[in-house]
N, C-alpha and C. Protein backbone atom coordinates (compact mmCIF):
# COMPACT_ATOMS: atom_id res chain seq x y z
N UNK A 1 87.31 49.40 147.76
CA UNK A 1 86.08 48.76 148.32
C UNK A 1 85.33 48.21 147.31
N UNK A 2 85.15 46.93 147.50
CA UNK A 2 84.47 45.88 146.38
C UNK A 2 83.01 46.38 146.21
N UNK A 3 82.29 47.20 147.16
CA UNK A 3 80.88 47.50 147.01
C UNK A 3 80.76 48.23 145.76
N UNK A 4 81.79 48.84 145.13
CA UNK A 4 81.48 49.72 143.90
C UNK A 4 82.07 49.06 142.61
N UNK A 5 82.08 47.83 142.73
CA UNK A 5 82.43 47.07 141.40
C UNK A 5 81.20 46.22 141.05
N UNK A 6 80.54 46.50 139.91
CA UNK A 6 79.42 45.61 139.56
C UNK A 6 79.99 44.57 138.41
N UNK A 7 79.31 43.43 138.56
CA UNK A 7 79.53 42.39 137.49
C UNK A 7 78.59 42.69 136.33
N UNK A 8 78.66 42.06 135.26
CA UNK A 8 77.99 42.36 134.01
C UNK A 8 76.56 42.24 134.28
N UNK A 9 75.85 41.37 134.92
CA UNK A 9 74.53 41.40 135.10
C UNK A 9 74.07 42.45 136.14
N UNK A 10 74.92 42.47 137.02
CA UNK A 10 74.54 43.71 138.10
C UNK A 10 74.54 45.17 137.35
N UNK A 11 75.46 45.32 136.33
CA UNK A 11 75.44 46.56 135.60
C UNK A 11 74.21 46.53 134.71
N UNK A 12 73.86 45.61 134.06
CA UNK A 12 72.65 45.78 133.24
C UNK A 12 71.44 45.97 133.96
N UNK A 13 71.24 45.25 135.09
CA UNK A 13 70.26 45.28 136.24
C UNK A 13 70.09 46.90 136.50
N UNK A 14 71.36 47.37 137.10
CA UNK A 14 71.48 48.86 137.53
C UNK A 14 71.10 49.89 136.35
N UNK A 15 71.49 49.62 135.13
CA UNK A 15 71.19 50.37 134.10
C UNK A 15 69.63 50.54 133.86
N UNK A 16 68.94 49.45 134.08
CA UNK A 16 67.38 49.27 133.82
C UNK A 16 66.80 50.24 135.04
N UNK A 17 67.32 50.12 136.07
CA UNK A 17 66.78 50.91 137.15
C UNK A 17 66.94 52.34 136.90
N UNK A 18 68.27 52.74 136.60
CA UNK A 18 68.60 54.20 136.32
C UNK A 18 67.76 54.75 135.15
N UNK A 19 67.44 53.96 134.22
CA UNK A 19 66.72 54.40 133.06
C UNK A 19 65.34 54.35 133.11
N UNK A 20 64.75 53.77 134.25
CA UNK A 20 63.19 53.68 134.39
C UNK A 20 62.82 54.29 135.88
N UNK A 21 63.61 54.76 136.67
CA UNK A 21 63.27 55.12 137.99
C UNK A 21 62.52 56.39 137.88
N UNK A 22 61.68 56.56 138.92
CA UNK A 22 61.15 55.54 140.05
C UNK A 22 60.28 54.40 139.39
N UNK A 23 60.53 53.29 139.75
CA UNK A 23 59.68 52.18 139.34
C UNK A 23 59.20 51.32 140.33
N UNK A 24 57.87 50.77 140.25
CA UNK A 24 57.43 50.01 141.23
C UNK A 24 58.29 48.61 141.15
N UNK A 25 58.29 47.77 142.14
CA UNK A 25 59.08 46.67 142.36
C UNK A 25 58.31 45.69 141.33
N UNK A 26 57.03 45.72 141.34
CA UNK A 26 56.42 44.84 140.39
C UNK A 26 56.75 45.10 138.99
N UNK A 27 56.88 46.42 138.59
CA UNK A 27 57.08 46.66 137.12
C UNK A 27 58.56 46.45 137.00
N UNK A 28 59.33 46.41 137.90
CA UNK A 28 60.83 46.14 137.75
C UNK A 28 61.05 44.62 137.53
N UNK A 29 60.10 43.76 138.16
CA UNK A 29 60.23 42.31 137.81
C UNK A 29 59.79 42.02 136.47
N UNK A 30 58.67 42.77 135.95
CA UNK A 30 58.19 42.45 134.65
C UNK A 30 59.22 42.90 133.82
N UNK A 31 59.98 43.94 133.93
CA UNK A 31 60.98 44.49 132.98
C UNK A 31 62.07 43.54 132.92
N UNK A 32 62.43 43.10 134.05
CA UNK A 32 63.66 42.13 134.13
C UNK A 32 63.48 40.84 133.58
N UNK A 33 61.97 40.51 133.74
CA UNK A 33 61.50 39.17 132.97
C UNK A 33 61.85 39.31 131.37
N UNK A 34 61.33 40.52 130.97
CA UNK A 34 61.19 40.95 129.53
C UNK A 34 62.73 41.05 128.93
N UNK A 35 63.56 41.91 129.62
CA UNK A 35 64.87 42.21 129.28
C UNK A 35 65.97 41.32 129.38
N UNK A 36 65.75 40.56 130.71
CA UNK A 36 66.90 39.85 131.18
C UNK A 36 66.48 38.34 131.23
N UNK A 37 65.31 37.97 131.08
CA UNK A 37 64.62 36.70 131.22
C UNK A 37 64.87 36.10 132.55
N UNK A 38 64.70 37.04 133.69
CA UNK A 38 64.89 36.76 135.15
C UNK A 38 63.54 36.27 135.71
N UNK A 39 63.71 35.49 136.69
CA UNK A 39 62.36 35.03 137.43
C UNK A 39 62.36 36.14 138.49
N UNK A 40 61.17 36.19 139.08
CA UNK A 40 60.89 37.28 140.08
C UNK A 40 61.90 37.13 141.24
N UNK A 41 62.33 35.85 141.70
CA UNK A 41 63.24 35.72 142.71
C UNK A 41 64.68 36.36 142.49
N UNK A 42 65.10 35.96 141.23
CA UNK A 42 66.42 36.55 140.79
C UNK A 42 66.23 38.18 140.81
N UNK A 43 65.33 38.71 140.47
CA UNK A 43 65.30 40.18 140.35
C UNK A 43 65.32 40.70 141.96
N UNK A 44 64.58 40.13 142.80
CA UNK A 44 64.39 40.51 144.24
C UNK A 44 65.75 40.29 144.87
N UNK A 45 66.52 39.23 144.61
CA UNK A 45 67.76 38.94 145.17
C UNK A 45 68.87 40.02 144.93
N UNK A 46 68.77 40.26 143.52
CA UNK A 46 69.75 41.18 142.98
C UNK A 46 69.40 42.60 143.60
N UNK A 47 68.15 43.16 143.47
CA UNK A 47 67.64 44.24 144.14
C UNK A 47 68.03 44.42 145.50
N UNK A 48 67.97 43.38 146.36
CA UNK A 48 68.43 43.43 147.84
C UNK A 48 69.82 43.43 147.92
N UNK A 49 70.68 42.92 147.00
CA UNK A 49 72.23 43.02 147.15
C UNK A 49 72.68 44.39 146.67
N UNK A 50 71.96 45.17 145.65
CA UNK A 50 72.35 46.47 145.39
C UNK A 50 71.77 47.45 146.41
N UNK A 51 70.65 47.17 146.97
CA UNK A 51 70.16 48.09 148.13
C UNK A 51 71.07 47.94 149.38
N UNK A 52 71.56 46.83 149.60
CA UNK A 52 72.61 46.72 150.75
C UNK A 52 73.74 47.37 150.54
N UNK A 53 74.13 47.49 149.20
CA UNK A 53 75.53 48.28 148.95
C UNK A 53 75.15 49.75 148.79
N UNK A 54 73.88 50.29 149.00
CA UNK A 54 73.69 51.75 148.98
C UNK A 54 73.52 52.39 147.72
N UNK A 55 73.26 51.46 146.74
CA UNK A 55 73.18 52.30 145.56
C UNK A 55 71.72 52.53 145.07
N UNK A 56 70.75 51.59 145.46
CA UNK A 56 69.37 51.83 145.28
C UNK A 56 68.55 51.59 146.55
N UNK A 57 67.51 52.08 146.52
CA UNK A 57 66.39 51.67 147.62
C UNK A 57 65.07 51.22 147.21
N UNK A 58 64.47 50.29 148.03
CA UNK A 58 63.21 49.90 147.71
C UNK A 58 62.18 50.18 148.93
N UNK A 59 61.61 51.42 148.63
CA UNK A 59 60.94 52.06 149.79
C UNK A 59 59.44 51.94 149.32
N UNK A 60 58.62 51.27 150.12
CA UNK A 60 57.20 51.23 150.03
C UNK A 60 56.83 50.73 148.65
N UNK A 61 57.64 49.75 148.14
CA UNK A 61 57.40 49.07 146.70
C UNK A 61 58.02 49.99 145.62
N UNK A 62 58.65 51.04 145.85
CA UNK A 62 58.99 51.92 144.96
C UNK A 62 60.58 51.76 144.80
N UNK A 63 61.21 51.34 143.78
CA UNK A 63 62.57 51.36 143.47
C UNK A 63 63.16 52.72 142.99
N UNK A 64 64.07 53.19 143.67
CA UNK A 64 64.75 54.39 143.11
C UNK A 64 66.30 54.45 143.64
N UNK A 65 67.03 55.19 142.89
CA UNK A 65 68.58 55.12 143.19
C UNK A 65 68.80 56.00 144.33
N UNK A 66 69.75 55.84 145.22
CA UNK A 66 70.41 56.53 146.18
C UNK A 66 71.80 57.27 145.54
N UNK A 67 72.07 56.82 144.52
CA UNK A 67 73.46 57.41 143.88
C UNK A 67 73.03 57.30 142.43
N UNK A 68 73.15 58.42 141.75
CA UNK A 68 73.05 58.70 140.27
C UNK A 68 73.98 57.89 139.51
N UNK A 69 73.66 57.56 138.32
CA UNK A 69 74.54 56.77 137.46
C UNK A 69 76.03 57.65 137.40
N UNK A 70 75.96 58.81 137.25
CA UNK A 70 77.15 59.92 137.20
C UNK A 70 77.93 59.67 138.55
N UNK A 71 77.22 59.73 139.60
CA UNK A 71 77.85 59.60 141.01
C UNK A 71 78.63 58.14 141.19
N UNK A 72 77.91 57.19 140.67
CA UNK A 72 78.34 55.81 140.77
C UNK A 72 79.63 55.76 139.90
N UNK A 73 79.63 56.26 138.56
CA UNK A 73 80.88 56.33 137.90
C UNK A 73 81.92 57.02 138.24
N UNK A 74 81.60 58.15 138.97
CA UNK A 74 82.77 58.98 139.53
C UNK A 74 83.38 58.13 140.74
N UNK A 75 82.49 57.47 141.63
CA UNK A 75 83.06 56.69 142.55
C UNK A 75 83.99 55.56 142.18
N UNK A 76 83.59 54.86 141.05
CA UNK A 76 84.22 53.90 140.51
C UNK A 76 85.50 54.25 140.21
N UNK A 77 85.48 55.50 139.42
CA UNK A 77 86.83 56.16 138.81
C UNK A 77 87.74 56.40 139.96
N UNK A 78 87.25 56.94 141.10
CA UNK A 78 88.09 57.40 142.13
C UNK A 78 88.88 56.09 142.76
N UNK A 79 87.93 55.13 142.76
CA UNK A 79 88.54 53.88 143.45
C UNK A 79 89.47 53.42 142.58
N UNK A 80 89.29 53.19 141.22
CA UNK A 80 90.26 52.67 140.27
C UNK A 80 91.53 53.51 140.51
N UNK A 81 91.47 54.74 140.36
CA UNK A 81 92.72 55.48 140.50
C UNK A 81 93.52 55.18 141.82
N UNK A 82 92.71 55.27 143.12
CA UNK A 82 93.16 54.89 144.32
C UNK A 82 93.95 53.62 144.28
N UNK A 83 93.22 52.57 143.78
CA UNK A 83 93.84 51.16 143.77
C UNK A 83 94.94 50.94 142.67
N UNK A 84 94.84 51.71 141.68
CA UNK A 84 96.01 51.32 140.66
C UNK A 84 97.05 52.25 140.43
N UNK A 85 96.90 53.63 140.82
CA UNK A 85 97.89 54.47 140.87
C UNK A 85 98.23 55.33 142.24
N UNK A 86 97.94 54.53 143.29
CA UNK A 86 98.13 55.11 144.67
C UNK A 86 97.35 56.55 144.78
N UNK A 87 96.04 56.67 144.06
CA UNK A 87 95.42 57.86 144.16
C UNK A 87 96.07 59.06 143.29
N UNK A 88 96.98 58.86 142.62
CA UNK A 88 97.50 59.91 141.63
C UNK A 88 97.00 60.20 140.27
N UNK A 89 96.16 61.10 140.12
CA UNK A 89 95.59 61.46 138.92
C UNK A 89 96.56 61.86 137.90
N UNK A 90 97.65 62.43 138.10
CA UNK A 90 98.67 62.71 137.21
C UNK A 90 99.17 61.25 136.65
N UNK A 91 99.58 60.42 137.56
CA UNK A 91 100.05 59.03 137.05
C UNK A 91 99.22 58.47 136.18
N UNK A 92 97.72 58.50 136.67
CA UNK A 92 96.79 57.91 135.89
C UNK A 92 96.58 58.46 134.42
N UNK A 93 96.76 59.89 134.29
CA UNK A 93 96.61 60.56 133.01
C UNK A 93 97.88 60.25 132.05
N UNK A 94 99.19 60.15 132.87
CA UNK A 94 100.43 59.72 132.19
C UNK A 94 100.19 58.35 131.51
N UNK A 95 99.65 57.40 132.26
CA UNK A 95 99.55 56.13 131.87
C UNK A 95 98.52 56.01 130.69
N UNK A 96 97.45 56.76 130.94
CA UNK A 96 96.15 56.91 130.02
C UNK A 96 96.82 57.27 128.55
N UNK A 97 97.71 58.46 128.76
CA UNK A 97 98.16 58.93 127.24
C UNK A 97 99.27 58.31 126.73
N UNK A 98 99.72 57.24 127.33
CA UNK A 98 100.81 56.47 126.76
C UNK A 98 100.41 55.67 125.52
N UNK A 99 99.36 55.29 125.60
CA UNK A 99 98.75 54.53 124.23
C UNK A 99 97.66 55.29 123.48
N UNK A 100 96.95 56.41 124.12
CA UNK A 100 95.95 57.15 123.33
C UNK A 100 96.25 58.62 123.38
N UNK A 101 96.41 59.05 122.13
CA UNK A 101 96.87 60.45 122.00
C UNK A 101 95.57 61.29 122.35
N UNK A 102 95.69 62.28 123.21
CA UNK A 102 94.48 63.19 123.39
C UNK A 102 94.48 64.29 122.21
N UNK A 103 93.09 64.55 121.94
CA UNK A 103 92.80 65.34 120.76
C UNK A 103 93.00 66.69 121.35
N UNK A 104 92.94 67.84 120.46
CA UNK A 104 93.03 69.03 120.91
C UNK A 104 91.99 69.51 121.68
N UNK A 105 90.80 69.04 121.39
CA UNK A 105 89.51 69.27 121.87
C UNK A 105 89.69 68.70 123.49
N UNK A 106 90.12 67.40 123.52
CA UNK A 106 90.08 66.84 124.90
C UNK A 106 91.07 67.53 125.88
N UNK A 107 92.28 67.99 125.32
CA UNK A 107 93.34 68.60 126.05
C UNK A 107 92.61 70.19 126.56
N UNK A 108 91.82 70.83 125.59
CA UNK A 108 91.10 72.14 126.05
C UNK A 108 90.11 71.75 127.16
N UNK A 109 89.43 70.71 127.03
CA UNK A 109 88.57 70.35 127.91
C UNK A 109 89.16 70.24 129.36
N UNK A 110 90.16 69.18 129.38
CA UNK A 110 90.90 69.19 130.44
C UNK A 110 91.45 70.33 131.02
N UNK A 111 92.08 71.17 130.30
CA UNK A 111 92.41 72.56 130.86
C UNK A 111 91.37 73.29 131.48
N UNK A 112 90.23 73.41 130.86
CA UNK A 112 89.09 74.03 131.46
C UNK A 112 88.52 73.51 132.88
N UNK A 113 88.74 72.18 132.83
CA UNK A 113 88.38 71.37 134.15
C UNK A 113 89.55 72.05 135.30
N UNK A 114 90.73 72.03 134.87
CA UNK A 114 91.84 72.21 135.81
C UNK A 114 91.68 73.63 136.29
N UNK A 115 91.33 74.59 135.15
CA UNK A 115 91.30 75.93 135.51
C UNK A 115 90.00 76.32 136.54
N UNK A 116 88.90 75.57 136.28
CA UNK A 116 87.80 75.66 137.21
C UNK A 116 88.00 75.15 138.49
N UNK A 117 88.97 74.19 138.62
CA UNK A 117 89.27 73.57 140.21
C UNK A 117 90.32 74.56 140.82
N UNK A 118 91.05 75.27 139.98
CA UNK A 118 92.20 75.94 140.64
C UNK A 118 91.91 76.86 141.87
N UNK A 119 90.74 77.54 141.89
CA UNK A 119 90.40 78.22 142.88
C UNK A 119 89.74 77.72 143.99
N UNK A 120 89.23 76.45 143.85
CA UNK A 120 88.58 75.77 144.77
C UNK A 120 89.45 75.29 146.11
N UNK A 121 88.79 75.24 147.33
CA UNK A 121 89.70 74.77 148.32
C UNK A 121 89.27 73.35 148.84
């Protein structure tokens, strides 16, 4: 689903919202003008686009997230594994570790995650 892939500017914009929410739409316009050198119309166009995609909301002039930064990252990760590795996490990890050696700490952390999930249904 393309709705969960953000371009470079969309990502910068989303980061500004996540870092400053809840924020009034007027303050968001000022922030985007300062940080991204955007005009008011650009900010509102981008905001409308990300609201339509269910990531943020603009309710009564207050912008806030419908999905936390962590939830969004988890969703992006799920979609990547689905699209690239047919949804197989073991295949993803096998590919990931071909070029990057896991540290003992990372292995222990992964084992804790696995052990914690083992009893869940």
